[in-house]
Amino acid sequence: MSPKESYLIEQPTRREILISLKKQGTLSVQEMARQVGITEMGIRRHLYALQRDQYVRTTICRPSTGRPSYLYSLTDKASVLFVNSYDSLVTELLDEMTDLAGESSVLQLFERRKEKLRKTYTRAIGNKGLEERVAALTRFQNREGYMAGLTKSGDGRYLLEEANCPVARVASRFPQVCQCELALFEEVLQTRVERLECMSEGGRKCLYRIGE
């Protein structure tokens, strides 16, 4: 991340705007003003700078009646402002490993990482109930930069939403990353986990449904 990009994410108000857009996808100026807690004029000033540098795009919403409104979302360029775990370097090294030892070696590497994480998570979570296990997993994912949020649906199951994926580019090249993560979740939570949306496959977020 360049010094300019570091400033963008470290400036408190601008960071709040970026995180709100990252988590929710699309927002109006009015919605951002309510969430961030500053005036609409202040929001527009920050959005102007973010649009100028091509981190935010505008979409015009034209209702059947009334004036058109403007909605804002992040561009692909904005991904560099969030945790990415040196994905270009990792992808290059994994490609080299595939060339040298075959794809099975890469899968073995991911499986070893999954087992290491499983032991760490299981020690921390212990024999708690499902709700506590899911909440603890959400905290783990947040510490790793996934911007995770948890809700409980009407049928008693849980929805784990991750607005950021630090390894999305790696996973788009090596889908074994996502397969191992899904297996990890099931082993740690001791229940069925279904992936409903995935950023490495073009989704806006990673979304998991947890529970039988």
Protein backbone atom coordinates (compact mmCIF):
# COMPACT_ATOMS: atom_id res chain seq x y z
CA MET A 1 0.00 0.00 0.00
CA SER A 2 1.42 3.40 -1.00
CA PRO A 3 1.74 6.30 1.49
CA LYS A 4 -1.23 7.98 -0.19
CA GLU A 5 -3.36 4.86 0.16
CA SER A 6 -2.27 4.47 3.79
CA TYR A 7 -3.43 8.02 4.48
CA LEU A 8 -6.84 7.29 2.97
CA ILE A 9 -7.53 4.35 5.26
CA GLU A 10 -5.94 5.99 8.33
CA GLN A 11 -7.91 9.27 8.08
CA PRO A 12 -10.78 8.53 10.55
CA THR A 13 -13.80 9.92 8.66
CA ARG A 14 -12.66 8.64 5.29
CA ARG A 15 -11.98 5.24 6.82
CA GLU A 16 -15.53 5.12 8.22
CA ILE A 17 -16.94 5.92 4.78
CA LEU A 18 -14.81 3.24 3.11
CA ILE A 19 -15.71 0.60 5.70
CA SER A 20 -19.43 1.43 5.44
CA LEU A 21 -19.30 1.02 1.67
CA LYS A 22 -17.23 -2.16 1.98
CA LYS A 23 -19.74 -3.73 4.37
CA GLN A 24 -22.98 -2.60 2.73
CA GLY A 25 -22.08 -2.38 -0.93
CA THR A 26 -24.10 0.66 -1.99
CA LEU A 27 -25.14 3.73 0.01
CA SER A 28 -26.57 7.19 -0.55
CA VAL A 29 -25.05 10.38 0.86
CA GLN A 30 -27.88 10.57 3.39
CA GLU A 31 -27.26 7.00 4.60
CA MET A 32 -23.53 7.61 4.95
CA ALA A 33 -24.11 10.85 6.85
CA ARG A 34 -26.31 9.01 9.37
CA GLN A 35 -23.83 6.18 9.80
CA VAL A 36 -20.66 8.26 10.00
CA GLY A 37 -22.25 11.05 12.04
CA ILE A 38 -21.27 14.11 9.98
CA THR A 39 -23.15 16.45 7.65
CA GLU A 40 -24.08 15.52 4.10
CA MET A 41 -21.79 18.32 2.89
CA GLY A 42 -18.90 16.72 4.78
CA ILE A 43 -19.67 13.33 3.22
CA ARG A 44 -19.77 14.87 -0.27
CA ARG A 45 -16.36 16.46 0.28
CA HIS A 46 -14.81 13.10 1.14
CA LEU A 47 -16.63 11.34 -1.71
CA TYR A 48 -15.32 13.91 -4.18
CA ALA A 49 -11.73 13.05 -3.18
CA LEU A 50 -12.40 9.30 -3.30
CA GLN A 51 -14.07 9.57 -6.73
CA ARG A 52 -11.24 11.72 -8.05
CA ASP A 53 -8.77 8.98 -7.14
CA GLN A 54 -11.10 6.29 -8.57
CA TYR A 55 -11.82 4.47 -5.28
CA VAL A 56 -15.57 5.20 -5.38
CA ARG A 57 -18.06 5.10 -8.25
CA THR A 58 -21.48 6.70 -8.64
CA THR A 59 -24.67 5.09 -9.91
CA ILE A 60 -27.75 7.14 -10.83
CA CYS A 61 -31.02 5.68 -9.57
CA ARG A 62 -34.00 6.97 -11.58
CA PRO A 63 -37.33 6.27 -9.84
CA SER A 64 -40.60 6.27 -11.79
CA THR A 65 -41.56 9.50 -10.02
CA GLY A 66 -39.47 12.22 -8.39
CA ARG A 67 -35.89 13.29 -8.84
CA PRO A 68 -33.07 10.82 -9.55
CA SER A 69 -30.80 9.92 -6.65
CA TYR A 70 -27.13 8.98 -6.51
CA LEU A 71 -25.74 5.83 -4.95
CA TYR A 72 -22.08 5.21 -4.18
CA SER A 73 -20.02 2.01 -4.11
CA LEU A 74 -16.36 0.98 -4.08
CA THR A 75 -14.41 0.32 -7.27
CA ASP A 76 -12.10 -2.66 -7.76
CA LYS A 77 -9.18 -0.31 -7.19
CA ALA A 78 -10.35 0.24 -3.59
CA SER A 79 -9.46 -3.37 -2.69
CA VAL A 80 -5.85 -2.28 -2.11
CA LEU A 81 -7.05 -0.18 0.85
CA PHE A 82 -8.03 -3.28 2.79
CA VAL A 83 -6.10 -6.27 4.11
CA ASN A 84 -4.90 -8.44 1.23
CA SER A 85 -2.18 -10.61 2.82
CA TYR A 86 0.36 -9.96 0.02
CA ASP A 87 -1.82 -11.95 -2.36
CA SER A 88 0.29 -11.36 -5.47
CA LEU A 89 3.40 -12.77 -3.83
CA VAL A 90 1.51 -15.72 -2.33
CA THR A 91 -0.12 -16.56 -5.67
CA GLU A 92 3.23 -16.44 -7.45
CA LEU A 93 4.85 -18.73 -4.86
CA LEU A 94 1.96 -21.21 -5.06
CA ASP A 95 2.23 -21.24 -8.85
CA GLU A 96 5.92 -22.08 -8.50
CA MET A 97 5.09 -24.82 -6.02
CA THR A 98 2.52 -26.28 -8.44
CA ASP A 99 5.11 -26.33 -11.23
CA LEU A 100 7.70 -27.99 -9.02
CA ALA A 101 5.63 -30.54 -7.10
CA GLY A 102 2.14 -30.63 -8.61
CA GLU A 103 -1.27 -29.41 -7.47
CA SER A 104 -1.50 -32.08 -4.78
CA SER A 105 1.33 -30.35 -2.92
CA VAL A 106 -0.66 -27.11 -2.81
CA LEU A 107 -3.72 -28.93 -1.48
CA GLN A 108 -1.57 -30.58 1.16
CA LEU A 109 -0.26 -27.17 2.20
CA PHE A 110 -3.79 -25.78 2.60
CA GLU A 111 -4.85 -28.88 4.53
CA ARG A 112 -1.94 -28.43 6.95
CA ARG A 113 -2.91 -24.80 7.48
CA LYS A 114 -6.54 -25.80 8.05
CA GLU A 115 -5.52 -28.37 10.68
CA LYS A 116 -3.34 -25.82 12.46
CA LEU A 117 -6.19 -23.31 12.56
CA ARG A 118 -8.65 -25.98 13.67
CA LYS A 119 -6.51 -26.79 16.70
CA THR A 120 -6.14 -23.11 17.57
CA TYR A 121 -9.84 -22.35 17.22
CA THR A 122 -10.95 -25.50 19.03
CA ARG A 123 -8.70 -24.79 22.02
CA ALA A 124 -10.16 -21.29 22.30
CA ILE A 125 -13.80 -22.24 21.74
CA GLY A 126 -13.87 -25.49 23.72
CA ASN A 127 -17.21 -27.21 24.28
CA LYS A 128 -19.40 -24.11 24.19
CA GLY A 129 -22.87 -24.07 22.66
CA LEU A 130 -23.35 -23.34 18.96
CA GLU A 131 -24.22 -19.67 19.47
CA GLU A 132 -21.05 -19.06 21.47
CA ARG A 133 -18.95 -21.04 18.97
CA VAL A 134 -20.29 -19.03 16.05
CA ALA A 135 -19.72 -15.74 17.90
CA ALA A 136 -16.16 -16.79 18.73
CA LEU A 137 -15.48 -17.76 15.11
CA THR A 138 -16.77 -14.35 14.00
CA ARG A 139 -14.30 -12.67 16.36
CA PHE A 140 -11.45 -14.79 14.98
CA GLN A 141 -12.36 -13.81 11.42
CA ASN A 142 -12.50 -10.14 12.35
CA ARG A 143 -9.03 -10.29 13.83
CA GLU A 144 -7.83 -11.68 10.49
CA GLY A 145 -9.33 -8.73 8.59
CA TYR A 146 -12.51 -10.31 7.20
CA MET A 147 -14.90 -7.60 8.52
CA ALA A 148 -17.27 -10.34 9.66
CA GLY A 149 -20.81 -9.82 10.89
CA LEU A 150 -23.24 -12.33 12.39
CA THR A 151 -27.05 -12.46 12.31
CA LYS A 152 -29.58 -15.08 13.34
CA SER A 153 -32.32 -15.92 10.85
CA GLY A 154 -35.93 -16.72 11.63
CA ASP A 155 -35.37 -20.47 11.27
CA GLY A 156 -32.76 -20.46 14.04
CA ARG A 157 -29.76 -20.74 11.75
CA TYR A 158 -26.96 -18.17 11.58
CA LEU A 159 -25.65 -16.06 8.72
CA LEU A 160 -21.95 -15.21 8.81
CA GLU A 161 -21.16 -12.38 6.40
CA GLU A 162 -17.61 -11.36 5.53
CA ALA A 163 -17.33 -8.00 3.78
CA ASN A 164 -13.61 -8.39 3.11
CA CYS A 165 -11.54 -11.38 2.03
CA PRO A 166 -7.80 -10.99 2.61
CA VAL A 167 -7.10 -13.96 0.31
CA ALA A 168 -9.72 -13.37 -2.42
CA ARG A 169 -7.19 -13.12 -5.26
CA VAL A 170 -5.32 -16.19 -4.07
CA ALA A 171 -8.61 -18.09 -3.76
CA SER A 172 -9.68 -17.10 -7.28
CA ARG A 173 -6.54 -18.88 -8.54
CA PHE A 174 -6.58 -21.69 -5.95
CA PRO A 175 -10.18 -22.55 -4.96
CA GLN A 176 -8.77 -25.05 -2.45
CA VAL A 177 -8.47 -22.07 -0.08
CA CYS A 178 -12.25 -21.70 0.09
CA GLN A 179 -12.82 -25.45 0.27
CA CYS A 180 -10.51 -25.73 3.27
CA GLU A 181 -12.10 -22.73 4.97
CA LEU A 182 -15.57 -24.25 4.61
CA ALA A 183 -14.33 -27.56 6.02
CA LEU A 184 -12.62 -25.69 8.87
CA PHE A 185 -15.87 -23.94 9.81
CA GLU A 186 -17.79 -27.22 9.87
CA GLU A 187 -15.18 -28.97 12.00
CA VAL A 188 -14.88 -26.12 14.50
CA LEU A 189 -18.62 -25.43 14.77
CA GLN A 190 -19.61 -29.13 14.62
CA THR A 191 -22.61 -28.40 12.41
CA ARG A 192 -23.49 -27.96 8.76
CA VAL A 193 -22.10 -24.85 7.05
CA GLU A 194 -23.25 -23.80 3.57
CA ARG A 195 -21.51 -21.15 1.49
CA LEU A 196 -24.10 -18.95 -0.23
CA GLU A 197 -21.81 -16.33 -1.80
CA CYS A 198 -18.07 -16.04 -2.38
CA MET A 199 -15.94 -13.02 -3.29
CA SER A 200 -13.38 -15.14 -5.15
CA GLU A 201 -16.21 -16.24 -7.48
CA GLY A 202 -17.37 -12.66 -8.15
CA GLY A 203 -19.67 -12.14 -5.16
CA ARG A 204 -19.86 -8.86 -3.27
CA LYS A 205 -19.16 -10.69 -0.01
CA CYS A 206 -18.59 -14.14 1.45
CA LEU A 207 -21.78 -15.45 3.05
CA TYR A 208 -22.24 -18.63 5.07
CA ARG A 209 -25.40 -20.21 6.47
CA ILE A 210 -24.69 -22.12 9.67
CA GLY A 211 -26.86 -24.79 11.26
CA GLU A 212 -28.87 -27.87 10.40
